[in-house]
Amino acid sequence: MQPLFAQGAEMNNQAIKEGDIVQVNPEKEMFGGCMVVVTEIKAWGVQGYVQSAGVPGQQYIRLKAQDFEPTGGKAVWVAA
């Protein structure tokens, strides 16, 4: 297991940081295929949220490293 740092972690062969966008494995329950904004790096994966159109607030999700892939994208506006 690699050490995790506040600024990011190495997962799925890419450095993941807060504000990065990852995509949920399509086979994962109701969030399959969704884009998730990473809010926290965890030892087992990430925590983040999905912003849905027409729905107030965000839906938070925790993903193990095997349940997502990095997209290389960054969120410009991040929910507070």
Protein backbone atom coordinates (compact mmCIF):
# COMPACT_ATOMS: atom_id res chain seq x y z
CA MET A 1 0.00 0.00 0.00
CA GLN A 2 1.32 3.43 -0.93
CA PRO A 3 1.22 6.35 1.49
CA LEU A 4 -1.51 8.91 0.87
CA PHE A 5 -0.90 12.62 1.07
CA ALA A 6 -3.37 15.49 1.57
CA GLN A 7 -2.69 16.80 -1.94
CA GLY A 8 -3.40 13.50 -3.68
CA ALA A 9 -2.80 9.80 -4.04
CA GLU A 10 -1.77 7.36 -6.72
CA MET A 11 -4.81 5.29 -7.81
CA ASN A 12 -5.52 3.43 -11.03
CA ASN A 13 -2.02 4.46 -12.22
CA GLN A 14 -2.85 8.19 -12.01
CA ALA A 15 -2.48 10.79 -9.27
CA ILE A 16 -5.91 11.69 -7.88
CA LYS A 17 -6.46 15.02 -6.11
CA GLU A 18 -9.41 16.86 -4.58
CA GLY A 19 -11.37 18.54 -7.38
CA ASP A 20 -10.51 15.85 -9.95
CA ILE A 21 -13.30 14.21 -11.91
CA VAL A 22 -13.55 10.43 -11.96
CA GLN A 23 -16.09 8.20 -13.71
CA VAL A 24 -17.91 5.43 -11.88
CA ASN A 25 -17.69 1.92 -13.29
CA PRO A 26 -20.88 1.41 -15.38
CA GLU A 27 -21.64 -1.79 -13.46
CA LYS A 28 -21.80 0.03 -10.10
CA GLU A 29 -25.43 0.32 -8.90
CA MET A 30 -27.33 3.56 -9.60
CA PHE A 31 -24.23 5.77 -10.00
CA GLY A 32 -22.76 3.66 -12.82
CA GLY A 33 -21.32 5.89 -15.56
CA CYS A 34 -21.69 9.09 -13.52
CA MET A 35 -18.97 11.72 -13.28
CA VAL A 36 -17.92 12.36 -9.68
CA VAL A 37 -16.07 15.40 -8.30
CA VAL A 38 -13.53 14.11 -5.75
CA THR A 39 -13.79 15.84 -2.36
CA GLU A 40 -11.64 13.52 -0.22
CA ILE A 41 -8.87 11.01 -0.77
CA LYS A 42 -9.24 7.89 1.37
CA ALA A 43 -6.93 4.91 1.96
CA TRP A 44 -9.41 2.66 0.11
CA GLY A 45 -10.43 5.09 -2.68
CA VAL A 46 -12.24 8.43 -2.89
CA GLN A 47 -15.29 10.27 -1.66
CA GLY A 48 -17.02 12.75 -3.91
CA TYR A 49 -20.30 13.99 -5.26
CA VAL A 50 -22.52 13.91 -8.31
CA GLN A 51 -24.32 17.13 -9.27
CA SER A 52 -27.69 16.29 -10.82
CA ALA A 53 -29.62 18.66 -13.08
CA GLY A 54 -32.84 19.92 -11.53
CA VAL A 55 -32.11 18.37 -8.13
CA PRO A 56 -31.06 20.69 -5.31
CA GLY A 57 -27.81 19.77 -3.57
CA GLN A 58 -25.33 17.02 -4.31
CA GLN A 59 -25.44 13.26 -3.98
CA TYR A 60 -22.33 11.98 -2.19
CA ILE A 61 -20.71 8.64 -2.95
CA ARG A 62 -17.73 6.67 -1.68
CA LEU A 63 -15.82 4.65 -4.27
CA LYS A 64 -13.20 1.97 -3.82
CA ALA A 65 -10.24 2.29 -6.20
CA GLN A 66 -11.54 -0.54 -8.40
CA ASP A 67 -14.94 1.16 -8.84
CA PHE A 68 -13.81 4.26 -10.77
CA GLU A 69 -11.44 5.51 -13.45
CA PRO A 70 -9.75 8.93 -13.55
CA THR A 71 -10.88 11.12 -16.46
CA GLY A 72 -8.03 13.63 -16.30
CA GLY A 73 -10.61 16.39 -15.85
CA LYS A 74 -10.84 19.05 -13.14
CA ALA A 75 -13.95 20.68 -11.73
CA VAL A 76 -13.85 24.46 -12.20
CA TRP A 77 -16.65 25.20 -9.74
CA VAL A 78 -16.74 22.95 -6.68
CA ALA A 79 -19.69 22.78 -4.27
CA ALA A 80 -18.90 24.19 -0.85
